[in-house]
C-alpha atoms as a PDB file:
ATOM      1  CA  MET A   1     -18.685  16.080  22.891  1.00  0.00           C
ATOM      2  CA  PRO A   2     -18.934  17.067  19.177  1.00  0.00           C
ATOM      3  CA  ALA A   3     -18.195  14.470  16.537  1.00  0.00           C
ATOM      4  CA  PRO A   4     -14.641  14.666  15.170  1.00  0.00           C
ATOM      5  CA  ARG A   5     -14.277  16.709  11.994  1.00  0.00           C
ATOM      6  CA  HIS A   6     -12.239  13.989  10.306  1.00  0.00           C
ATOM      7  CA  LEU A   7     -13.014  10.318  10.529  1.00  0.00           C
ATOM      8  CA  LEU A   8      -9.910   8.304  11.079  1.00  0.00           C
ATOM      9  CA  VAL A   9      -9.032   4.863  11.757  1.00  0.00           C
ATOM     10  CA  ALA A  10      -6.431   2.373  12.097  1.00  0.00           C
ATOM     11  CA  LEU A  11      -5.636  -1.250  11.894  1.00  0.00           C
ATOM     12  CA  LEU A  12      -6.072  -4.744  10.903  1.00  0.00           C
ATOM     13  CA  LEU A  13      -6.403  -5.492  14.338  1.00  0.00           C
ATOM     14  CA  GLY A  14      -4.709  -7.444  16.887  1.00  0.00           C
ATOM     15  CA  ALA A  15      -2.512  -7.344  19.933  1.00  0.00           C
ATOM     16  CA  ALA A  16      -2.786  -8.378  23.462  1.00  0.00           C
ATOM     17  CA  ALA A  17      -2.747  -5.930  26.337  1.00  0.00           C
ATOM     18  CA  LEU A  18      -1.096  -2.925  24.800  1.00  0.00           C
ATOM     19  CA  THR A  19       2.325  -1.826  25.937  1.00  0.00           C
ATOM     20  CA  PRO A  20       4.589   0.777  24.381  1.00  0.00           C
ATOM     21  CA  ALA A  21       5.610  -1.905  21.878  1.00  0.00           C
ATOM     22  CA  CYS A  22       3.447  -4.878  21.004  1.00  0.00           C
ATOM     23  CA  LYS A  23       3.568  -7.711  18.496  1.00  0.00           C
ATOM     24  CA  LYS A  24       1.309  -7.587  15.448  1.00  0.00           C
ATOM     25  CA  GLN A  25      -1.535 -10.080  15.740  1.00  0.00           C
ATOM     26  CA  ASP A  26      -4.953 -10.782  14.311  1.00  0.00           C
ATOM     27  CA  ALA A  27      -7.886  -9.616  16.411  1.00  0.00           C
ATOM     28  CA  ALA A  28      -9.334 -13.115  16.509  1.00  0.00           C
ATOM     29  CA  SER A  29      -6.223 -14.394  18.299  1.00  0.00           C
ATOM     30  CA  VAL A  30      -6.460 -11.930  21.189  1.00  0.00           C
ATOM     31  CA  ASP A  31      -7.985 -12.948  24.513  1.00  0.00           C
ATOM     32  CA  PRO A  32     -10.485 -10.178  25.416  1.00  0.00           C
ATOM     33  CA  GLU A  33      -9.758 -10.711  29.103  1.00  0.00           C
ATOM     34  CA  ALA A  34      -6.080  -9.898  28.503  1.00  0.00           C
ATOM     35  CA  LYS A  35      -6.713  -6.374  27.246  1.00  0.00           C
ATOM     36  CA  ASP A  36      -7.388  -3.166  29.096  1.00  0.00           C
ATOM     37  CA  PRO A  37     -11.126  -2.364  28.636  1.00  0.00           C
ATOM     38  CA  ALA A  38     -10.449   0.945  26.892  1.00  0.00           C
ATOM     39  CA  ASP A  39      -7.978  -0.673  24.510  1.00  0.00           C
ATOM     40  CA  ALA A  40     -10.352  -3.565  23.888  1.00  0.00           C
ATOM     41  CA  LEU A  41     -13.081  -1.078  22.982  1.00  0.00           C
ATOM     42  CA  ALA A  42     -10.767   0.687  20.560  1.00  0.00           C
ATOM     43  CA  TYR A  43      -9.844  -2.580  18.880  1.00  0.00           C
ATOM     44  CA  ASP A  44     -13.486  -3.615  18.630  1.00  0.00           C
ATOM     45  CA  LEU A  45     -14.263  -0.287  16.990  1.00  0.00           C
ATOM     46  CA  LEU A  46     -11.426  -0.593  14.517  1.00  0.00           C
ATOM     47  CA  SER A  47     -12.357  -4.163  13.672  1.00  0.00           C
ATOM     48  CA  ALA A  48     -15.917  -3.089  12.924  1.00  0.00           C
ATOM     49  CA  LEU A  49     -14.679  -0.166  10.845  1.00  0.00           C
ATOM     50  CA  SER A  50     -12.354  -2.309   8.755  1.00  0.00           C
ATOM     51  CA  ALA A  51     -15.292  -4.620   7.998  1.00  0.00           C
ATOM     52  CA  ALA A  52     -17.721  -1.700   7.479  1.00  0.00           C
ATOM     53  CA  ASP A  53     -20.019  -3.507   9.936  1.00  0.00           C
ATOM     54  CA  GLU A  54     -22.729  -0.945  10.687  1.00  0.00           C
ATOM     55  CA  ASP A  55     -24.509  -3.124  13.267  1.00  0.00           C
ATOM     56  CA  ALA A  56     -21.315  -3.589  15.266  1.00  0.00           C
ATOM     57  CA  LEU A  57     -20.593   0.128  15.028  1.00  0.00           C
ATOM     58  CA  ASP A  58     -24.046   0.989  16.332  1.00  0.00           C
ATOM     59  CA  ALA A  59     -23.358  -1.175  19.375  1.00  0.00           C
ATOM     60  CA  LEU A  60     -19.965   0.407  20.047  1.00  0.00           C
ATOM     61  CA  ALA A  61     -20.471   4.081  19.265  1.00  0.00           C
ATOM     62  CA  GLY A  62     -21.796   6.768  21.581  1.00  0.00           C
ATOM     63  CA  PRO A  63     -24.511   9.196  20.449  1.00  0.00           C
ATOM     64  CA  GLU A  64     -22.035  11.792  19.191  1.00  0.00           C
ATOM     65  CA  LEU A  65     -20.033   9.402  17.022  1.00  0.00           C
ATOM     66  CA  GLY A  66     -22.754   7.315  15.424  1.00  0.00           C
ATOM     67  CA  PRO A  67     -24.076   9.898  12.920  1.00  0.00           C
ATOM     68  CA  ALA A  68     -20.555  10.525  11.612  1.00  0.00           C
ATOM     69  CA  LEU A  69     -20.003   6.902  10.577  1.00  0.00           C
ATOM     70  CA  ALA A  70     -22.373   6.607   7.662  1.00  0.00           C
ATOM     71  CA  GLY A  71     -22.200   6.544   3.904  1.00  0.00           C
ATOM     72  CA  ARG A  72     -19.061   7.267   1.951  1.00  0.00           C
ATOM     73  CA  ASP A  73     -16.868   8.057   4.956  1.00  0.00           C
ATOM     74  CA  LEU A  74     -17.269   4.524   6.308  1.00  0.00           C
ATOM     75  CA  ALA A  75     -16.397   3.003   2.931  1.00  0.00           C
ATOM     76  CA  VAL A  76     -13.252   5.150   2.735  1.00  0.00           C
ATOM     77  CA  ILE A  77     -12.176   4.133   6.233  1.00  0.00           C
ATOM     78  CA  ALA A  78     -12.750   0.432   5.570  1.00  0.00           C
ATOM     79  CA  ARG A  79     -10.838   0.514   2.296  1.00  0.00           C
ATOM     80  CA  THR A  80      -7.906   2.347   3.880  1.00  0.00           C
ATOM     81  CA  LEU A  81      -7.705  -0.022   6.850  1.00  0.00           C
ATOM     82  CA  ARG A  82      -7.662  -3.076   4.634  1.00  0.00           C
ATOM     83  CA  TRP A  83      -4.843  -1.547   2.611  1.00  0.00           C
ATOM     84  CA  LEU A  84      -2.795  -0.507   5.669  1.00  0.00           C
ATOM     85  CA  GLY A  85      -2.350  -4.048   6.973  1.00  0.00           C
ATOM     86  CA  PRO A  86      -1.362  -5.199  10.489  1.00  0.00           C
ATOM     87  CA  VAL A  87      -0.365  -2.700  13.145  1.00  0.00           C
ATOM     88  CA  GLU A  88       1.586  -2.170  16.341  1.00  0.00           C
ATOM     89  CA  LEU A  89       0.185   0.373  18.797  1.00  0.00           C
ATOM     90  CA  GLU A  90       2.493   2.459  20.922  1.00  0.00           C
ATOM     91  CA  THR A  91       0.776   4.329  23.759  1.00  0.00           C
ATOM     92  CA  GLN A  92       1.823   7.992  23.870  1.00  0.00           C
ATOM     93  CA  SER A  93      -0.382   9.585  26.528  1.00  0.00           C
ATOM     94  CA  GLU A  94      -3.738   9.473  28.300  1.00  0.00           C
ATOM     95  CA  GLU A  95      -6.080  12.235  29.457  1.00  0.00           C
ATOM     96  CA  VAL A  96      -8.925  11.606  31.890  1.00  0.00           C
ATOM     97  CA  VAL A  97     -12.332  12.913  30.837  1.00  0.00           C
ATOM     98  CA  ALA A  98     -15.684  12.641  32.613  1.00  0.00           C
ATOM     99  CA  ASP A  99     -16.483   8.929  33.015  1.00  0.00           C
ATOM    100  CA  GLY A 100     -13.735   7.922  30.601  1.00  0.00           C
ATOM    101  CA  GLN A 101     -10.428   8.768  28.973  1.00  0.00           C
ATOM    102  CA  THR A 102      -8.752   9.916  25.768  1.00  0.00           C
ATOM    103  CA  ARG A 103      -5.776   7.810  24.732  1.00  0.00           C
ATOM    104  CA  ARG A 104      -3.207   8.797  22.152  1.00  0.00           C
ATOM    105  CA  TYR A 105      -1.241   6.174  20.260  1.00  0.00           C
ATOM    106  CA  LEU A 106       1.339   5.979  17.552  1.00  0.00           C
ATOM    107  CA  ALA A 107      -0.028   3.319  15.211  1.00  0.00           C
ATOM    108  CA  HIS A 108       2.693   1.526  13.242  1.00  0.00           C
ATOM    109  CA  PHE A 109       1.258  -0.162  10.135  1.00  0.00           C
ATOM    110  CA  ASP A 110       2.953  -2.240   7.488  1.00  0.00           C
ATOM    111  CA  ARG A 111       2.535   0.752   5.171  1.00  0.00           C
ATOM    112  CA  GLY A 112       3.391   3.607   7.503  1.00  0.00           C
ATOM    113  CA  SER A 113       2.762   5.137  10.923  1.00  0.00           C
ATOM    114  CA  VAL A 114       0.136   7.619  12.057  1.00  0.00           C
ATOM    115  CA  GLU A 115      -0.967   9.248  15.310  1.00  0.00           C
ATOM    116  CA  LEU A 116      -4.295   7.911  16.588  1.00  0.00           C
ATOM    117  CA  GLU A 117      -6.528   9.350  19.316  1.00  0.00           C
ATOM    118  CA  VAL A 118      -9.520   7.490  20.810  1.00  0.00           C
ATOM    119  CA  THR A 119     -11.987   8.863  23.372  1.00  0.00           C
ATOM    120  CA  ALA A 120     -14.119   6.406  25.366  1.00  0.00           C
ATOM    121  CA  VAL A 121     -16.898   7.509  27.731  1.00  0.00           C
ATOM    122  CA  ALA A 122     -19.044   5.141  29.790  1.00  0.00           C
ATOM    123  CA  GLY A 123     -17.911   2.160  27.756  1.00  0.00           C
ATOM    124  CA  LYS A 124     -18.726   3.749  24.387  1.00  0.00           C
ATOM    125  CA  VAL A 125     -16.502   5.351  21.771  1.00  0.00           C
ATOM    126  CA  GLU A 126     -17.287   9.060  21.586  1.00  0.00           C
ATOM    127  CA  GLY A 127     -14.556  10.069  19.165  1.00  0.00           C
ATOM    128  CA  PHE A 128     -11.476   8.927  17.309  1.00  0.00           C
ATOM    129  CA  SER A 129      -9.066  10.654  14.954  1.00  0.00           C
ATOM    130  CA  PHE A 130      -5.797  10.343  13.098  1.00  0.00           C
ATOM    131  CA  ALA A 131      -3.378  13.133  12.355  1.00  0.00           C
ATOM    132  CA  ASP A 132      -5.051  14.804   9.384  1.00  0.00           C
ATOM    133  CA  ALA A 133      -2.193  15.025   6.882  1.00  0.00           C
ATOM    134  CA  GLN A 134      -0.878  11.533   7.623  1.00  0.00           C
ATOM    135  CA  TRP A 135      -4.306   9.952   7.348  1.00  0.00           C
ATOM    136  CA  GLN A 136      -5.237  11.765   4.146  1.00  0.00           C
ATOM    137  CA  ALA A 137      -2.053  10.520   2.494  1.00  0.00           C
ATOM    138  CA  MET A 138      -2.989   6.958   3.472  1.00  0.00           C
ATOM    139  CA  VAL A 139      -6.520   7.435   2.122  1.00  0.00           C
ATOM    140  CA  ASP A 140      -5.119   8.648  -1.195  1.00  0.00           C
ATOM    141  CA  ARG A 141      -2.667   5.783  -1.497  1.00  0.00           C
ATOM    142  CA  ALA A 142      -5.310   3.169  -0.672  1.00  0.00           C
ATOM    143  CA  LEU A 143      -7.544   4.640  -3.366  1.00  0.00           C
ATOM    144  CA  GLU A 144      -4.706   4.524  -5.890  1.00  0.00           C
ATOM    145  CA  ALA A 145      -4.005   0.888  -5.025  1.00  0.00           C
ATOM    146  CA  GLU A 146      -7.669  -0.047  -5.476  1.00  0.00           C
ATOM    147  CA  ALA A 147      -7.795   1.756  -8.809  1.00  0.00           C
ATOM    148  CA  GLY A 148      -4.685  -0.027 -10.037  1.00  0.00           C
ATOM    149  CA  SER A 149      -2.570   3.076 -10.563  1.00  0.00           C
ATOM    150  CA  LEU A 150       0.617   1.251 -11.573  1.00  0.00           C
ATOM    151  CA  ARG A 151       1.437   2.083 -15.192  1.00  0.00           C
ATOM    152  CA  VAL A 152       4.239   2.418 -17.728  1.00  0.00           C
ATOM    153  CA  THR A 153       4.440   5.958 -19.094  1.00  0.00           C
ATOM    154  CA  ALA A 154       7.439   5.660 -21.439  1.00  0.00           C
ATOM    155  CA  PHE A 155       9.560   2.953 -23.054  1.00  0.00           C
ATOM    156  CA  ALA A 156      12.684   3.036 -25.233  1.00  0.00           C
ATOM    157  CA  PHE A 157      15.371   0.718 -26.525  1.00  0.00           C
ATOM    158  CA  LEU A 158      18.870   2.031 -25.784  1.00  0.00           C
ATOM    159  CA  ASP A 159      22.325   1.823 -27.307  1.00  0.00           C
ATOM    160  CA  ASP A 160      25.616   1.312 -25.461  1.00  0.00           C
ATOM    161  CA  GLU A 161      25.728   5.000 -24.571  1.00  0.00           C
ATOM    162  CA  ASP A 162      22.252   5.007 -23.056  1.00  0.00           C
ATOM    163  CA  GLN A 163      20.758   6.846 -26.032  1.00  0.00           C
ATOM    164  CA  PRO A 164      17.326   5.867 -27.415  1.00  0.00           C
ATOM    165  CA  LEU A 165      17.073   3.651 -30.497  1.00  0.00           C
ATOM    166  CA  PRO A 166      14.092   3.117 -32.829  1.00  0.00           C
ATOM    167  CA  ALA A 167      14.797  -0.633 -32.525  1.00  0.00           C
ATOM    168  CA  PRO A 168      17.516  -2.794 -30.972  1.00  0.00           C
ATOM    169  CA  THR A 169      20.555  -3.688 -33.073  1.00  0.00           C
ATOM    170  CA  ASP A 170      22.421  -6.333 -31.039  1.00  0.00           C
ATOM    171  CA  PRO A 171      20.612  -9.675 -30.537  1.00  0.00           C
ATOM    172  CA  ALA A 172      22.898 -10.551 -27.627  1.00  0.00           C
ATOM    173  CA  ASP A 173      22.068  -7.366 -25.715  1.00  0.00           C
ATOM    174  CA  VAL A 174      18.610  -5.878 -26.214  1.00  0.00           C
ATOM    175  CA  TYR A 175      18.868  -3.014 -23.729  1.00  0.00           C
ATOM    176  CA  TYR A 176      15.792  -1.000 -22.701  1.00  0.00           C
ATOM    177  CA  ALA A 177      14.495   1.600 -20.250  1.00  0.00           C
ATOM    178  CA  LEU A 178      10.984   2.397 -19.095  1.00  0.00           C
ATOM    179  CA  SER A 179       9.331   4.921 -16.802  1.00  0.00           C
ATOM    180  CA  VAL A 180       6.923   3.545 -14.197  1.00  0.00           C
ATOM    181  CA  GLU A 181       4.368   5.640 -12.290  1.00  0.00           C
ATOM    182  CA  GLY A 182       1.917   4.920  -9.464  1.00  0.00           C
ATOM    183  CA  LEU A 183       4.426   3.154  -7.225  1.00  0.00           C
ATOM    184  CA  ASP A 184       3.928   2.698  -3.511  1.00  0.00           C
ATOM    185  CA  SER A 185       6.815   3.292  -1.119  1.00  0.00           C
ATOM    186  CA  GLN A 186       7.979   2.472   2.384  1.00  0.00           C
ATOM    187  CA  PHE A 187      10.614   4.505   4.211  1.00  0.00           C
ATOM    188  CA  ARG A 188      10.966   6.573   1.012  1.00  0.00           C
ATOM    189  CA  GLU A 189      12.005   3.558  -1.055  1.00  0.00           C
ATOM    190  CA  HIS A 190      10.366   1.729  -3.982  1.00  0.00           C
ATOM    191  CA  GLN A 191      10.791  -1.993  -4.645  1.00  0.00           C
ATOM    192  CA  LEU A 192       9.858  -3.791  -7.871  1.00  0.00           C
ATOM    193  CA  ASN A 193      10.135  -7.208  -9.419  1.00  0.00           C
ATOM    194  CA  VAL A 194      10.373  -7.382 -13.217  1.00  0.00           C
ATOM    195  CA  ALA A 195       9.886 -10.759 -14.933  1.00  0.00           C
ATOM    196  CA  LYS A 196      11.093 -10.833 -18.562  1.00  0.00           C
ATOM    197  CA  VAL A 197      10.017 -13.067 -21.458  1.00  0.00           C
ATOM    198  CA  VAL A 198      10.553 -12.721 -25.227  1.00  0.00           C
ATOM    199  CA  TYR A 199       8.445 -14.471 -27.892  1.00  0.00           C
ATOM    200  CA  ASP A 200       9.231 -14.858 -31.576  1.00  0.00           C
ATOM    201  CA  ALA A 201       6.823 -14.241 -34.471  1.00  0.00           C
ATOM    202  CA  GLU A 202       5.322 -17.745 -34.064  1.00  0.00           C
ATOM    203  CA  GLY A 203       4.647 -17.214 -30.363  1.00  0.00           C
ATOM    204  CA  GLN A 204       7.484 -19.459 -29.229  1.00  0.00           C
ATOM    205  CA  ARG A 205       9.354 -18.374 -26.128  1.00  0.00           C
ATOM    206  CA  VAL A 206      12.947 -17.593 -27.022  1.00  0.00           C
ATOM    207  CA  TYR A 207      14.056 -15.877 -23.814  1.00  0.00           C
ATOM    208  CA  HIS A 208      12.979 -16.395 -20.214  1.00  0.00           C
ATOM    209  CA  GLN A 209      14.906 -15.188 -17.194  1.00  0.00           C
ATOM    210  CA  ARG A 210      14.566 -17.767 -14.425  1.00  0.00           C
ATOM    211  CA  GLU A 211      14.593 -15.182 -11.618  1.00  0.00           C
ATOM    212  CA  SER A 212      12.910 -11.790 -11.864  1.00  0.00           C
ATOM    213  CA  ASP A 213      14.959  -8.615 -11.597  1.00  0.00           C
ATOM    214  CA  HIS A 214      14.569  -7.237  -8.069  1.00  0.00           C
ATOM    215  CA  LEU A 215      14.939  -3.459  -8.139  1.00  0.00           C
ATOM    216  CA  ARG A 216      15.196  -0.982  -5.261  1.00  0.00           C
ATOM    217  CA  PHE A 217      15.495   2.767  -5.637  1.00  0.00           C
ATOM    218  CA  PRO A 218      14.744   5.836  -3.478  1.00  0.00           C
ATOM    219  CA  GLN A 219      11.580   7.865  -3.750  1.00  0.00           C
ATOM    220  CA  ALA A 220      12.268  11.241  -5.336  1.00  0.00           C
ATOM    221  CA  GLU A 221      12.579  14.158  -2.943  1.00  0.00           C
ATOM    222  CA  ALA A 222       9.710  15.893  -4.705  1.00  0.00           C
ATOM    223  CA  GLY A 223       7.401  13.053  -3.733  1.00  0.00           C
ATOM    224  CA  SER A 224       7.216  11.440  -7.176  1.00  0.00           C
ATOM    225  CA  LYS A 225       5.565   8.019  -7.199  1.00  0.00           C
ATOM    226  CA  GLY A 226       7.601   6.679 -10.083  1.00  0.00           C
ATOM    227  CA  GLY A 227      11.020   5.980 -11.434  1.00  0.00           C
ATOM    228  CA  ARG A 228      13.168   4.783 -14.332  1.00  0.00           C
ATOM    229  CA  VAL A 229      13.790   1.062 -14.765  1.00  0.00           C
ATOM    230  CA  THR A 230      16.399  -0.468 -17.083  1.00  0.00           C
ATOM    231  CA  GLY A 231      17.132  -4.014 -18.155  1.00  0.00           C
ATOM    232  CA  ASN A 232      18.258  -6.228 -20.980  1.00  0.00           C
ATOM    233  CA  VAL A 233      17.318  -9.460 -22.767  1.00  0.00           C
ATOM    234  CA  SER A 234      18.722 -11.424 -25.705  1.00  0.00           C
ATOM    235  CA  VAL A 235      17.222 -13.026 -28.817  1.00  0.00           C
ATOM    236  CA  PRO A 236      18.525 -15.687 -31.247  1.00  0.00           C
ATOM    237  CA  GLY A 237      19.052 -13.335 -34.175  1.00  0.00           C
ATOM    238  CA  PRO A 238      17.213 -11.133 -36.676  1.00  0.00           C
ATOM    239  CA  GLY A 239      13.427 -11.381 -36.659  1.00  0.00           C
ATOM    240  CA  HIS A 240      10.179 -10.080 -35.205  1.00  0.00           C
ATOM    241  CA  TYR A 241       9.781 -10.377 -31.426  1.00  0.00           C
ATOM    242  CA  THR A 242       7.527  -9.424 -28.526  1.00  0.00           C
ATOM    243  CA  LEU A 243       9.092  -8.400 -25.219  1.00  0.00           C
ATOM    244  CA  GLU A 244       6.788  -9.068 -22.259  1.00  0.00           C
ATOM    245  CA  LEU A 245       7.560  -7.476 -18.893  1.00  0.00           C
ATOM    246  CA  GLU A 246       5.540  -8.375 -15.796  1.00  0.00           C
ATOM    247  CA  ILE A 247       6.114  -5.545 -13.321  1.00  0.00           C
ATOM    248  CA  THR A 248       5.145  -6.015  -9.664  1.00  0.00           C
ATOM    249  CA  ASP A 249       5.101  -3.248  -7.053  1.00  0.00           C
ATOM    250  CA  LEU A 250       6.153  -5.213  -3.969  1.00  0.00           C
ATOM    251  CA  PHE A 251       4.759  -2.680  -1.488  1.00  0.00           C
ATOM    252  CA  ALA A 252       1.339  -2.162  -3.082  1.00  0.00           C
ATOM    253  CA  GLY A 253       0.924  -5.731  -4.336  1.00  0.00           C
ATOM    254  CA  GLN A 254      -0.033  -4.501  -7.821  1.00  0.00           C
ATOM    255  CA  SER A 255       1.137  -6.100 -11.054  1.00  0.00           C
ATOM    256  CA  ILE A 256       0.912  -5.044 -14.684  1.00  0.00           C
ATOM    257  CA  THR A 257       2.132  -6.622 -17.917  1.00  0.00           C
ATOM    258  CA  HIS A 258       3.769  -4.406 -20.529  1.00  0.00           C
ATOM    259  CA  ARG A 259       4.325  -5.742 -24.067  1.00  0.00           C
ATOM    260  CA  ILE A 260       6.321  -4.167 -26.860  1.00  0.00           C
ATOM    261  CA  GLU A 261       6.886  -5.579 -30.352  1.00  0.00           C
ATOM    262  CA  PHE A 262      10.139  -4.963 -32.166  1.00  0.00           C
ATOM    263  CA  ASP A 263      12.074  -6.006 -35.239  1.00  0.00           C
ATOM    264  CA  LEU A 264      15.754  -6.783 -35.176  1.00  0.00           C
ATOM    265  CA  GLN A 265      17.275  -6.410 -38.619  1.00  0.00           C
ATOM    266  CA  SER A 266      20.218  -8.251 -40.126  1.00  0.00           C
ATOM    267  CA  PRO A 267      23.495  -6.288 -39.943  1.00  0.00           C
END
């Protein structure tokens, strides 16, 4: 059987004998005797892939699959699996092949779902694949998360009519907006926490919000990975200040700190 054109993968592994819906677990907590042999083989493969364990892969893979699991492809698979998180497997169908079977699953990860197909022959994995478009999107997002893609692309102070200002004018209501890019999403929704602190010219903290702003907004229909965030702080009066915003993407687990200095003049 020829090696699959695309290397795919799936899971931070776990689960007991697989049923159409199974609880997410760690692989170490699963009793090998409780799993169907074909499912156990698939989980062993995925565990080795997520760890980029070449020795374990050599022991699991058939002659057709082994040569396809080397070099950069293995690193990409391992990185993506670690980013995807725990999984639930839902069995979709099974096809008998000579001395084995091909099983098709719907793999439900913390960060999305993807179709997974695994072929086992004579106790060895001869092929596995994910739906191409779904998997490639996961690969891209895992790479972005590793690279730290979260960033602020624009910032402005605003007046009462939501129009930009060169500097704030009201110490009791320093209103701002910023554009954030590189956000992850789940179910077409973004979620952020924004912690806000203001320091004066001597470095003394003059404003600190006890609880971070928790923001939720839909992903744009065009597939944008960003959005507009607004908020406000206050300061004691005229002076030179530094606004510090710690922005956390709750789905990707990334955080950045954005600082902006400003002067508030006397009326």
